[in-house]
Amino acid sequence: QVQLQESGPGLVKPSQTLSLTCTVSGVSITTSYYAWSWFRQPPGKGLEWMGVISDDGSTYYSPSLKSHTSISRDTSKNQFSLQLSSVTPDDTAVYYCARFSYTGQYYHFDSWGQGTQVTGSS
């Protein structure tokens, strides 16, 4: 029932800001004990966790990306967004949004978007 879908420009010029939106259906992003995360996967590399926004709107970021990363939400649209400033070619990756569930005895990412390719290039 739960679906996540990333959207946004596939090409971002260096030094500009990457902006992506994750649209959630099937559950409210304000529902207790769910948090909403962003990941990315550069070519040939593993997944990198970027940050998360919790059910109460609190945000947490990877220390290596904190200075450039902002996650926000629009509860009226049931969406949460990622902004990554000062983009370089090294930010080229497939970007994913995912739901983190901590409602039971185990914590896990139980729902994922399909991913969207973003290239930092002129």
N, C-alpha and C. Protein backbone atom coordinates (compact mmCIF):
# COMPACT_ATOMS: atom_id res chain seq x y z
N GLN A 1 0.82 -1.21 0.00
CA GLN A 1 0.00 0.00 0.00
C GLN A 1 0.86 1.27 0.00
N VAL A 2 1.96 1.25 0.73
CA VAL A 2 2.81 2.43 0.84
C VAL A 2 3.68 2.54 -0.40
N GLN A 3 3.70 3.71 -0.98
CA GLN A 3 4.52 3.98 -2.15
C GLN A 3 5.26 5.29 -1.97
N LEU A 4 6.51 5.31 -2.41
CA LEU A 4 7.35 6.50 -2.40
C LEU A 4 7.87 6.73 -3.80
N GLN A 5 7.90 7.98 -4.22
CA GLN A 5 8.37 8.31 -5.55
C GLN A 5 9.18 9.59 -5.53
N GLU A 6 10.41 9.51 -6.01
CA GLU A 6 11.29 10.67 -6.10
C GLU A 6 10.98 11.46 -7.37
N SER A 7 11.17 12.76 -7.29
CA SER A 7 11.02 13.59 -8.46
C SER A 7 11.92 14.81 -8.33
N GLY A 8 12.31 15.36 -9.48
CA GLY A 8 13.15 16.54 -9.52
C GLY A 8 14.04 16.53 -10.75
N PRO A 9 14.77 17.60 -10.96
CA PRO A 9 15.64 17.68 -12.14
C PRO A 9 16.72 16.62 -12.12
N GLY A 10 17.03 16.08 -13.29
CA GLY A 10 18.08 15.08 -13.40
C GLY A 10 19.46 15.66 -13.62
N LEU A 11 19.54 16.95 -13.89
CA LEU A 11 20.81 17.61 -14.16
C LEU A 11 20.88 18.89 -13.34
N VAL A 12 21.95 19.04 -12.58
CA VAL A 12 22.17 20.22 -11.76
C VAL A 12 23.56 20.77 -12.06
N LYS A 13 23.64 22.05 -12.29
CA LYS A 13 24.93 22.67 -12.59
C LYS A 13 25.79 22.77 -11.34
N PRO A 14 27.10 22.58 -11.49
CA PRO A 14 27.99 22.73 -10.33
C PRO A 14 27.84 24.08 -9.65
N SER A 15 27.90 24.04 -8.34
CA SER A 15 27.75 25.18 -7.42
C SER A 15 26.29 25.52 -7.13
N GLN A 16 25.36 24.95 -7.88
CA GLN A 16 23.94 25.21 -7.63
C GLN A 16 23.38 24.19 -6.64
N THR A 17 22.10 24.28 -6.36
CA THR A 17 21.46 23.46 -5.35
C THR A 17 20.61 22.37 -5.99
N LEU A 18 20.82 21.15 -5.53
CA LEU A 18 20.01 20.01 -5.93
C LEU A 18 18.75 19.99 -5.08
N SER A 19 17.60 19.87 -5.70
CA SER A 19 16.33 19.80 -4.98
C SER A 19 15.52 18.62 -5.48
N LEU A 20 15.18 17.74 -4.57
CA LEU A 20 14.38 16.56 -4.89
C LEU A 20 13.20 16.48 -3.93
N THR A 21 12.12 15.89 -4.42
CA THR A 21 10.92 15.70 -3.61
C THR A 21 10.53 14.23 -3.62
N CYS A 22 10.13 13.74 -2.47
CA CYS A 22 9.60 12.39 -2.34
C CYS A 22 8.11 12.49 -2.01
N THR A 23 7.29 11.97 -2.89
CA THR A 23 5.85 11.95 -2.68
C THR A 23 5.45 10.61 -2.09
N VAL A 24 4.75 10.65 -0.97
CA VAL A 24 4.37 9.44 -0.24
C VAL A 24 2.87 9.23 -0.37
N SER A 25 2.48 8.01 -0.67
CA SER A 25 1.07 7.64 -0.70
C SER A 25 0.85 6.41 0.17
N GLY A 26 -0.35 6.28 0.70
CA GLY A 26 -0.71 5.13 1.51
C GLY A 26 -0.53 5.31 3.00
N VAL A 27 0.19 6.34 3.41
CA VAL A 27 0.40 6.62 4.83
C VAL A 27 0.77 8.09 4.98
N SER A 28 0.35 8.69 6.07
CA SER A 28 0.72 10.07 6.36
C SER A 28 2.15 10.13 6.87
N ILE A 29 2.90 11.12 6.42
CA ILE A 29 4.28 11.26 6.88
C ILE A 29 4.35 11.77 8.32
N THR A 30 3.23 12.12 8.90
CA THR A 30 3.19 12.49 10.31
C THR A 30 2.82 11.33 11.22
N THR A 31 2.58 10.16 10.65
CA THR A 31 2.24 8.99 11.45
C THR A 31 3.36 8.64 12.41
N SER A 32 3.01 8.37 13.64
CA SER A 32 4.01 8.07 14.67
C SER A 32 4.82 6.84 14.33
N TYR A 33 6.10 6.88 14.71
CA TYR A 33 7.04 5.77 14.62
C TYR A 33 7.47 5.44 13.19
N TYR A 34 7.33 6.40 12.30
CA TYR A 34 7.96 6.34 10.99
C TYR A 34 8.83 7.58 10.81
N ALA A 35 9.95 7.40 10.13
CA ALA A 35 10.81 8.51 9.75
C ALA A 35 11.15 8.39 8.28
N TRP A 36 11.50 9.49 7.68
CA TRP A 36 11.59 9.56 6.23
C TRP A 36 12.98 10.02 5.82
N SER A 37 13.66 9.17 5.04
CA SER A 37 15.10 9.31 4.83
C SER A 37 15.46 9.50 3.36
N TRP A 38 16.64 10.06 3.16
CA TRP A 38 17.26 10.16 1.84
C TRP A 38 18.57 9.40 1.82
N PHE A 39 18.79 8.65 0.74
CA PHE A 39 20.03 7.95 0.46
C PHE A 39 20.51 8.35 -0.92
N ARG A 40 21.78 8.09 -1.19
CA ARG A 40 22.28 8.19 -2.55
C ARG A 40 23.31 7.10 -2.81
N GLN A 41 23.49 6.79 -4.09
CA GLN A 41 24.45 5.77 -4.50
C GLN A 41 25.21 6.28 -5.72
N PRO A 42 26.45 6.74 -5.51
CA PRO A 42 27.27 7.15 -6.65
C PRO A 42 27.63 5.95 -7.53
N PRO A 43 28.02 6.20 -8.77
CA PRO A 43 28.37 5.09 -9.66
C PRO A 43 29.47 4.22 -9.07
N GLY A 44 29.24 2.91 -9.04
CA GLY A 44 30.23 1.97 -8.56
C GLY A 44 30.43 1.94 -7.06
N LYS A 45 29.61 2.65 -6.31
CA LYS A 45 29.76 2.71 -4.86
C LYS A 45 28.49 2.24 -4.17
N GLY A 46 28.58 2.10 -2.87
CA GLY A 46 27.45 1.65 -2.07
C GLY A 46 26.52 2.79 -1.69
N LEU A 47 25.44 2.42 -1.03
CA LEU A 47 24.48 3.40 -0.55
C LEU A 47 25.08 4.27 0.54
N GLU A 48 24.76 5.54 0.51
CA GLU A 48 25.17 6.49 1.53
C GLU A 48 23.93 7.12 2.13
N TRP A 49 23.77 6.98 3.44
CA TRP A 49 22.67 7.64 4.13
C TRP A 49 22.95 9.13 4.25
N MET A 50 21.98 9.94 3.88
CA MET A 50 22.17 11.38 3.87
C MET A 50 21.52 12.08 5.07
N GLY A 51 20.32 11.67 5.39
CA GLY A 51 19.62 12.30 6.49
C GLY A 51 18.20 11.81 6.59
N VAL A 52 17.49 12.34 7.57
CA VAL A 52 16.15 11.86 7.87
C VAL A 52 15.32 12.98 8.50
N ILE A 53 14.03 12.91 8.29
CA ILE A 53 13.09 13.76 9.02
C ILE A 53 12.09 12.84 9.71
N SER A 54 11.90 13.06 11.00
CA SER A 54 11.08 12.17 11.80
C SER A 54 9.61 12.57 11.74
N ASP A 55 8.78 11.79 12.43
CA ASP A 55 7.34 12.03 12.38
C ASP A 55 6.94 13.36 13.02
N ASP A 56 7.80 13.91 13.88
CA ASP A 56 7.50 15.20 14.49
C ASP A 56 8.22 16.36 13.81
N GLY A 57 8.93 16.08 12.70
CA GLY A 57 9.62 17.11 11.96
C GLY A 57 11.07 17.31 12.33
N SER A 58 11.58 16.59 13.30
CA SER A 58 12.99 16.69 13.67
C SER A 58 13.87 16.14 12.55
N THR A 59 15.01 16.78 12.34
CA THR A 59 15.92 16.36 11.27
C THR A 59 17.26 15.94 11.83
N TYR A 60 17.89 14.99 11.13
CA TYR A 60 19.21 14.49 11.48
C TYR A 60 19.96 14.22 10.18
N TYR A 61 21.26 14.51 10.16
CA TYR A 61 22.03 14.44 8.93
C TYR A 61 23.32 13.66 9.13
N SER A 62 23.79 13.07 8.04
CA SER A 62 25.13 12.50 8.03
C SER A 62 26.14 13.60 8.33
N PRO A 63 27.09 13.35 9.24
CA PRO A 63 28.07 14.41 9.56
C PRO A 63 28.83 14.93 8.35
N SER A 64 29.13 14.07 7.39
CA SER A 64 29.90 14.49 6.23
C SER A 64 29.11 15.37 5.27
N LEU A 65 27.80 15.37 5.38
CA LEU A 65 26.95 16.12 4.47
C LEU A 65 26.16 17.22 5.16
N LYS A 66 26.26 17.31 6.46
CA LYS A 66 25.40 18.20 7.23
C LYS A 66 25.47 19.65 6.78
N SER A 67 26.65 20.12 6.43
CA SER A 67 26.83 21.52 6.09
C SER A 67 26.15 21.90 4.77
N HIS A 68 25.83 20.92 3.95
CA HIS A 68 25.25 21.19 2.64
C HIS A 68 23.83 20.65 2.48
N THR A 69 23.31 19.98 3.48
CA THR A 69 22.07 19.22 3.33
C THR A 69 20.94 19.81 4.17
N SER A 70 19.77 19.82 3.58
CA SER A 70 18.57 20.23 4.31
C SER A 70 17.40 19.34 3.89
N ILE A 71 16.69 18.82 4.85
CA ILE A 71 15.49 18.02 4.61
C ILE A 71 14.30 18.74 5.23
N SER A 72 13.23 18.82 4.48
CA SER A 72 12.03 19.48 4.95
C SER A 72 10.81 18.67 4.55
N ARG A 73 9.64 19.09 5.01
CA ARG A 73 8.43 18.37 4.65
C ARG A 73 7.28 19.33 4.41
N ASP A 74 6.33 18.88 3.62
CA ASP A 74 5.09 19.59 3.38
C ASP A 74 3.97 18.61 3.70
N THR A 75 3.42 18.73 4.88
CA THR A 75 2.43 17.75 5.33
C THR A 75 1.13 17.85 4.54
N SER A 76 0.81 19.03 4.01
CA SER A 76 -0.41 19.18 3.23
C SER A 76 -0.35 18.40 1.92
N LYS A 77 0.85 18.19 1.40
CA LYS A 77 1.05 17.43 0.17
C LYS A 77 1.57 16.02 0.44
N ASN A 78 1.81 15.70 1.70
CA ASN A 78 2.38 14.42 2.08
C ASN A 78 3.70 14.16 1.34
N GLN A 79 4.56 15.16 1.39
CA GLN A 79 5.84 15.11 0.71
C GLN A 79 6.96 15.52 1.65
N PHE A 80 8.14 14.99 1.40
CA PHE A 80 9.34 15.52 2.03
C PHE A 80 10.41 15.71 0.97
N SER A 81 11.31 16.65 1.23
CA SER A 81 12.22 17.11 0.20
C SER A 81 13.66 17.12 0.68
N LEU A 82 14.56 17.07 -0.29
CA LEU A 82 16.00 17.14 -0.05
C LEU A 82 16.56 18.32 -0.81
N GLN A 83 17.40 19.09 -0.14
CA GLN A 83 18.17 20.14 -0.79
C GLN A 83 19.64 19.94 -0.46
N LEU A 84 20.46 19.90 -1.50
CA LEU A 84 21.90 19.74 -1.36
C LEU A 84 22.55 20.90 -2.07
N SER A 85 23.20 21.76 -1.33
CA SER A 85 23.78 22.97 -1.89
C SER A 85 25.20 22.73 -2.38
N SER A 86 25.69 23.67 -3.17
CA SER A 86 27.06 23.66 -3.67
C SER A 86 27.42 22.34 -4.34
N VAL A 87 26.60 21.94 -5.25
CA VAL A 87 26.76 20.66 -5.93
C VAL A 87 28.03 20.64 -6.78
N THR A 88 28.71 19.50 -6.77
CA THR A 88 29.86 19.25 -7.62
C THR A 88 29.61 17.98 -8.42
N PRO A 89 30.47 17.67 -9.41
CA PRO A 89 30.32 16.39 -10.12
C PRO A 89 30.37 15.17 -9.21
N ASP A 90 31.01 15.30 -8.04
CA ASP A 90 31.07 14.18 -7.10
C ASP A 90 29.72 13.87 -6.47
N ASP A 91 28.75 14.74 -6.63
CA ASP A 91 27.41 14.49 -6.12
C ASP A 91 26.54 13.71 -7.10
N THR A 92 27.09 13.37 -8.25
CA THR A 92 26.37 12.55 -9.22
C THR A 92 26.06 11.19 -8.60
N ALA A 93 24.80 10.80 -8.62
CA ALA A 93 24.38 9.56 -7.98
C ALA A 93 22.93 9.29 -8.31
N VAL A 94 22.49 8.08 -7.96
CA VAL A 94 21.07 7.79 -7.90
C VAL A 94 20.60 8.10 -6.49
N TYR A 95 19.58 8.91 -6.38
CA TYR A 95 19.06 9.34 -5.09
C TYR A 95 17.76 8.61 -4.78
N TYR A 96 17.66 8.11 -3.56
CA TYR A 96 16.50 7.34 -3.12
C TYR A 96 15.87 7.97 -1.89
N CYS A 97 14.56 7.90 -1.80
CA CYS A 97 13.89 8.16 -0.54
C CYS A 97 13.38 6.84 0.02
N ALA A 98 13.30 6.76 1.34
CA ALA A 98 12.93 5.51 2.01
C ALA A 98 12.26 5.81 3.34
N ARG A 99 11.42 4.89 3.77
CA ARG A 99 10.77 4.97 5.07
C ARG A 99 11.51 4.12 6.09
N PHE A 100 11.78 4.70 7.25
CA PHE A 100 12.36 3.99 8.37
C PHE A 100 11.26 3.70 9.38
N SER A 101 11.08 2.42 9.69
CA SER A 101 10.05 1.99 10.61
C SER A 101 10.65 1.58 11.93
N TYR A 102 10.11 2.11 13.01
CA TYR A 102 10.53 1.68 14.33
C TYR A 102 9.31 1.42 15.22
N THR A 103 8.31 0.79 14.63
CA THR A 103 7.06 0.50 15.32
C THR A 103 7.07 -0.83 16.06
N GLY A 104 7.98 -1.72 15.73
CA GLY A 104 8.02 -3.05 16.31
C GLY A 104 9.30 -3.32 17.08
N GLN A 105 9.63 -4.60 17.17
CA GLN A 105 10.82 -5.01 17.90
C GLN A 105 12.11 -4.75 17.12
N TYR A 106 12.01 -4.61 15.82
CA TYR A 106 13.18 -4.34 15.00
C TYR A 106 12.97 -3.07 14.19
N TYR A 107 14.06 -2.37 13.95
CA TYR A 107 14.03 -1.14 13.17
C TYR A 107 14.57 -1.44 11.78
N HIS A 108 13.89 -0.94 10.76
CA HIS A 108 14.32 -1.24 9.40
C HIS A 108 13.73 -0.25 8.41
N PHE A 109 14.38 -0.16 7.26
CA PHE A 109 13.84 0.60 6.13
C PHE A 109 12.94 -0.34 5.35
N ASP A 110 11.64 -0.11 5.39
CA ASP A 110 10.70 -1.07 4.86
C ASP A 110 10.09 -0.68 3.51
N SER A 111 10.24 0.54 3.09
CA SER A 111 9.70 0.99 1.81
C SER A 111 10.69 1.93 1.15
N TRP A 112 10.84 1.76 -0.16
CA TRP A 112 11.81 2.54 -0.93
C TRP A 112 11.19 3.08 -2.20
N GLY A 113 11.64 4.24 -2.61
CA GLY A 113 11.33 4.72 -3.94
C GLY A 113 12.19 4.02 -4.97
N GLN A 114 11.89 4.24 -6.23
CA GLN A 114 12.61 3.57 -7.30
C GLN A 114 13.98 4.18 -7.56
N GLY A 115 14.22 5.38 -7.07
CA GLY A 115 15.46 6.09 -7.28
C GLY A 115 15.38 7.01 -8.49
N THR A 116 16.14 8.07 -8.43
CA THR A 116 16.21 9.00 -9.55
C THR A 116 17.65 9.43 -9.78
N GLN A 117 18.08 9.41 -11.02
CA GLN A 117 19.44 9.78 -11.39
C GLN A 117 19.60 11.29 -11.36
N VAL A 118 20.64 11.75 -10.70
CA VAL A 118 20.99 13.17 -10.69
C VAL A 118 22.45 13.31 -11.09
N THR A 119 22.71 14.18 -12.04
CA THR A 119 24.05 14.42 -12.52
C THR A 119 24.45 15.86 -12.25
N GLY A 120 25.59 16.05 -11.61
CA GLY A 120 26.12 17.39 -11.36
C GLY A 120 27.09 17.76 -12.47
N SER A 121 26.59 18.47 -13.46
CA SER A 121 27.38 18.78 -14.64
C SER A 121 26.82 20.00 -15.34
N SER A 122 27.69 20.69 -16.07
CA SER A 122 27.27 21.82 -16.89
C SER A 122 26.68 21.37 -18.21
